[in-house]
Amino acid sequence: HMQIFGAVLRFPSRQGRHKAFSSCLPHLAVLSLYVSTGMFTSLKPPSTSSHSLDLLMAVLYSVVPPALSPLICSMRNGQLK
């Protein structure tokens, strides 16, 4: 993540940085959600496991990121037109 931010911050124009951030940030948010739910699920102790929490993490991990990705792309394509 930090390499992406560093590369974008080196863009010479303010408008170029804004376009890059508006394109990258939603994707990074989905990636962060995907990684954080996976880490939470794998690092939490099995003794504190509740079925509703496990179900919520499974939905957040497996359904939300793939559902958000096309939505983000279609929103971004609408902004480009």
N, C-alpha and C. Protein backbone atom coordinates (compact mmCIF):
# COMPACT_ATOMS: atom_id res chain seq x y z
N HIS A 1 0.81 -1.18 0.00
CA HIS A 1 0.00 0.00 0.00
C HIS A 1 0.86 1.26 0.00
N MET A 2 1.90 1.24 0.79
CA MET A 2 2.73 2.42 0.93
C MET A 2 3.47 2.75 -0.37
N GLN A 3 3.86 1.75 -1.12
CA GLN A 3 4.54 2.00 -2.39
C GLN A 3 3.60 2.68 -3.38
N ILE A 4 2.33 2.29 -3.36
CA ILE A 4 1.35 2.91 -4.24
C ILE A 4 1.19 4.38 -3.87
N PHE A 5 1.02 4.66 -2.58
CA PHE A 5 0.87 6.04 -2.14
C PHE A 5 2.10 6.87 -2.48
N GLY A 6 3.26 6.29 -2.28
CA GLY A 6 4.50 7.00 -2.60
C GLY A 6 4.61 7.32 -4.08
N ALA A 7 4.25 6.37 -4.92
CA ALA A 7 4.32 6.60 -6.36
C ALA A 7 3.32 7.67 -6.79
N VAL A 8 2.12 7.64 -6.23
CA VAL A 8 1.11 8.63 -6.60
C VAL A 8 1.51 10.01 -6.11
N LEU A 9 2.10 10.10 -4.94
CA LEU A 9 2.51 11.41 -4.42
C LEU A 9 3.62 12.05 -5.25
N ARG A 10 4.34 11.25 -6.02
CA ARG A 10 5.39 11.79 -6.88
C ARG A 10 4.85 12.31 -8.22
N PHE A 11 3.55 12.15 -8.49
CA PHE A 11 2.97 12.68 -9.73
C PHE A 11 3.16 14.19 -9.75
N PRO A 12 3.54 14.75 -10.88
CA PRO A 12 3.83 16.18 -10.92
C PRO A 12 2.58 17.08 -10.78
N SER A 13 1.46 16.66 -11.29
CA SER A 13 0.28 17.54 -11.24
C SER A 13 -0.68 17.13 -10.13
N ARG A 14 -1.32 18.13 -9.56
CA ARG A 14 -2.30 17.88 -8.50
C ARG A 14 -3.50 17.11 -9.04
N GLN A 15 -3.91 17.45 -10.26
CA GLN A 15 -5.05 16.77 -10.88
C GLN A 15 -4.72 15.29 -11.13
N GLY A 16 -3.51 15.00 -11.53
CA GLY A 16 -3.09 13.62 -11.74
C GLY A 16 -3.11 12.82 -10.45
N ARG A 17 -2.64 13.43 -9.36
CA ARG A 17 -2.69 12.76 -8.06
C ARG A 17 -4.13 12.50 -7.64
N HIS A 18 -5.00 13.49 -7.86
CA HIS A 18 -6.41 13.32 -7.48
C HIS A 18 -7.06 12.17 -8.26
N LYS A 19 -6.80 12.11 -9.56
CA LYS A 19 -7.36 11.03 -10.38
C LYS A 19 -6.83 9.67 -9.93
N ALA A 20 -5.55 9.61 -9.64
CA ALA A 20 -4.96 8.33 -9.21
C ALA A 20 -5.52 7.89 -7.88
N PHE A 21 -5.63 8.81 -6.92
CA PHE A 21 -6.18 8.45 -5.61
C PHE A 21 -7.65 8.07 -5.72
N SER A 22 -8.41 8.79 -6.53
CA SER A 22 -9.83 8.45 -6.65
C SER A 22 -10.02 7.10 -7.31
N SER A 23 -9.06 6.67 -8.10
CA SER A 23 -9.14 5.36 -8.72
C SER A 23 -8.63 4.25 -7.80
N CYS A 24 -7.56 4.53 -7.06
CA CYS A 24 -6.91 3.50 -6.24
C CYS A 24 -7.57 3.27 -4.88
N LEU A 25 -8.02 4.33 -4.23
CA LEU A 25 -8.51 4.20 -2.86
C LEU A 25 -9.68 3.23 -2.70
N PRO A 26 -10.69 3.25 -3.56
CA PRO A 26 -11.76 2.25 -3.39
C PRO A 26 -11.26 0.82 -3.51
N HIS A 27 -10.35 0.58 -4.43
CA HIS A 27 -9.80 -0.76 -4.59
C HIS A 27 -8.96 -1.16 -3.38
N LEU A 28 -8.20 -0.22 -2.86
CA LEU A 28 -7.41 -0.51 -1.66
C LEU A 28 -8.31 -0.76 -0.45
N ALA A 29 -9.44 -0.07 -0.39
CA ALA A 29 -10.38 -0.30 0.71
C ALA A 29 -10.95 -1.72 0.64
N VAL A 30 -11.30 -2.17 -0.55
CA VAL A 30 -11.82 -3.54 -0.71
C VAL A 30 -10.72 -4.55 -0.38
N LEU A 31 -9.51 -4.31 -0.84
CA LEU A 31 -8.40 -5.20 -0.54
C LEU A 31 -8.14 -5.25 0.97
N SER A 32 -8.20 -4.08 1.62
CA SER A 32 -7.99 -4.05 3.07
C SER A 32 -9.07 -4.82 3.81
N LEU A 33 -10.31 -4.69 3.36
CA LEU A 33 -11.40 -5.46 3.97
C LEU A 33 -11.16 -6.95 3.81
N TYR A 34 -10.75 -7.35 2.63
CA TYR A 34 -10.49 -8.75 2.32
C TYR A 34 -9.36 -9.30 3.20
N VAL A 35 -8.27 -8.56 3.29
CA VAL A 35 -7.11 -9.01 4.06
C VAL A 35 -7.41 -8.99 5.56
N SER A 36 -8.06 -7.92 6.04
CA SER A 36 -8.31 -7.82 7.48
C SER A 36 -9.28 -8.88 7.98
N THR A 37 -10.32 -9.20 7.21
CA THR A 37 -11.24 -10.26 7.66
C THR A 37 -10.56 -11.61 7.63
N GLY A 38 -9.72 -11.85 6.64
CA GLY A 38 -8.97 -13.10 6.59
C GLY A 38 -8.01 -13.23 7.76
N MET A 39 -7.33 -12.14 8.07
CA MET A 39 -6.40 -12.17 9.21
C MET A 39 -7.15 -12.35 10.52
N PHE A 40 -8.26 -11.64 10.68
CA PHE A 40 -9.04 -11.75 11.91
C PHE A 40 -9.53 -13.18 12.11
N THR A 41 -10.02 -13.77 11.04
CA THR A 41 -10.53 -15.14 11.12
C THR A 41 -9.42 -16.13 11.45
N SER A 42 -8.28 -15.97 10.84
CA SER A 42 -7.21 -16.95 11.07
C SER A 42 -6.47 -16.73 12.38
N LEU A 43 -6.46 -15.52 12.91
CA LEU A 43 -5.71 -15.23 14.13
C LEU A 43 -6.53 -15.31 15.41
N LYS A 44 -7.85 -15.33 15.30
CA LYS A 44 -8.65 -15.36 16.53
C LYS A 44 -8.61 -16.75 17.14
N PRO A 45 -8.56 -16.82 18.45
CA PRO A 45 -8.51 -18.13 19.12
C PRO A 45 -9.81 -18.91 18.92
N PRO A 46 -9.71 -20.20 18.67
CA PRO A 46 -10.92 -21.00 18.45
C PRO A 46 -11.84 -21.04 19.67
N SER A 47 -11.31 -20.83 20.86
CA SER A 47 -12.14 -20.90 22.07
C SER A 47 -13.14 -19.75 22.14
N THR A 48 -12.84 -18.61 21.49
CA THR A 48 -13.75 -17.47 21.52
C THR A 48 -14.65 -17.42 20.29
N SER A 49 -14.75 -18.53 19.61
CA SER A 49 -15.50 -18.57 18.37
C SER A 49 -17.01 -18.61 18.61
N SER A 50 -17.72 -17.67 17.98
CA SER A 50 -19.18 -17.72 18.00
C SER A 50 -19.64 -17.95 16.57
N HIS A 51 -20.72 -18.68 16.42
CA HIS A 51 -21.18 -19.03 15.07
C HIS A 51 -21.63 -17.79 14.29
N SER A 52 -22.26 -16.83 14.96
CA SER A 52 -22.70 -15.63 14.25
C SER A 52 -21.51 -14.78 13.80
N LEU A 53 -20.48 -14.70 14.62
CA LEU A 53 -19.28 -13.96 14.23
C LEU A 53 -18.57 -14.66 13.07
N ASP A 54 -18.50 -15.98 13.14
CA ASP A 54 -17.90 -16.74 12.04
C ASP A 54 -18.66 -16.52 10.74
N LEU A 55 -19.98 -16.51 10.82
CA LEU A 55 -20.81 -16.29 9.63
C LEU A 55 -20.59 -14.89 9.08
N LEU A 56 -20.55 -13.90 9.95
CA LEU A 56 -20.31 -12.52 9.51
C LEU A 56 -18.95 -12.39 8.83
N MET A 57 -17.93 -12.98 9.41
CA MET A 57 -16.59 -12.91 8.81
C MET A 57 -16.56 -13.63 7.47
N ALA A 58 -17.25 -14.75 7.37
CA ALA A 58 -17.29 -15.48 6.10
C ALA A 58 -17.96 -14.65 5.02
N VAL A 59 -19.04 -13.96 5.37
CA VAL A 59 -19.72 -13.11 4.39
C VAL A 59 -18.84 -11.93 4.01
N LEU A 60 -18.24 -11.28 5.00
CA LEU A 60 -17.36 -10.15 4.70
C LEU A 60 -16.17 -10.58 3.85
N TYR A 61 -15.67 -11.77 4.08
CA TYR A 61 -14.49 -12.25 3.37
C TYR A 61 -14.81 -12.73 1.95
N SER A 62 -15.93 -13.43 1.81
CA SER A 62 -16.18 -14.09 0.53
C SER A 62 -17.22 -13.43 -0.35
N VAL A 63 -18.09 -12.60 0.19
CA VAL A 63 -19.17 -12.03 -0.62
C VAL A 63 -18.94 -10.54 -0.88
N VAL A 64 -18.59 -9.79 0.14
CA VAL A 64 -18.53 -8.34 0.00
C VAL A 64 -17.45 -7.88 -0.98
N PRO A 65 -16.19 -8.30 -0.86
CA PRO A 65 -15.18 -7.80 -1.81
C PRO A 65 -15.50 -8.11 -3.28
N PRO A 66 -15.89 -9.35 -3.63
CA PRO A 66 -16.23 -9.58 -5.03
C PRO A 66 -17.46 -8.80 -5.50
N ALA A 67 -18.38 -8.51 -4.59
CA ALA A 67 -19.56 -7.73 -4.97
C ALA A 67 -19.22 -6.25 -5.14
N LEU A 68 -18.30 -5.74 -4.36
CA LEU A 68 -17.94 -4.33 -4.44
C LEU A 68 -17.04 -4.00 -5.63
N SER A 69 -16.23 -4.94 -6.04
CA SER A 69 -15.27 -4.68 -7.11
C SER A 69 -15.95 -4.23 -8.41
N PRO A 70 -16.95 -4.95 -8.94
CA PRO A 70 -17.60 -4.47 -10.16
C PRO A 70 -18.32 -3.13 -9.96
N LEU A 71 -18.87 -2.92 -8.77
CA LEU A 71 -19.53 -1.66 -8.48
C LEU A 71 -18.53 -0.50 -8.54
N ILE A 72 -17.37 -0.70 -7.95
CA ILE A 72 -16.34 0.33 -7.98
C ILE A 72 -15.89 0.59 -9.41
N CYS A 73 -15.69 -0.47 -10.18
CA CYS A 73 -15.26 -0.29 -11.57
C CYS A 73 -16.31 0.43 -12.40
N SER A 74 -17.58 0.10 -12.21
CA SER A 74 -18.62 0.77 -12.99
C SER A 74 -18.74 2.24 -12.59
N MET A 75 -18.59 2.53 -11.30
CA MET A 75 -18.62 3.93 -10.85
C MET A 75 -17.45 4.69 -11.46
N ARG A 76 -16.29 4.08 -11.45
CA ARG A 76 -15.09 4.73 -11.99
C ARG A 76 -15.23 4.94 -13.49
N ASN A 77 -15.78 3.96 -14.20
CA ASN A 77 -15.97 4.11 -15.65
C ASN A 77 -16.97 5.23 -15.94
N GLY A 78 -17.98 5.39 -15.11
CA GLY A 78 -18.93 6.47 -15.27
C GLY A 78 -18.28 7.83 -15.07
N GLN A 79 -17.30 7.92 -14.18
CA GLN A 79 -16.58 9.18 -13.95
C GLN A 79 -15.66 9.51 -15.12
N LEU A 80 -15.16 8.49 -15.81
CA LEU A 80 -14.23 8.74 -16.92
C LEU A 80 -14.94 9.26 -18.15
N LYS A 81 -16.22 8.95 -18.30
CA LYS A 81 -16.94 9.37 -19.51
C LYS A 81 -17.24 10.84 -19.52
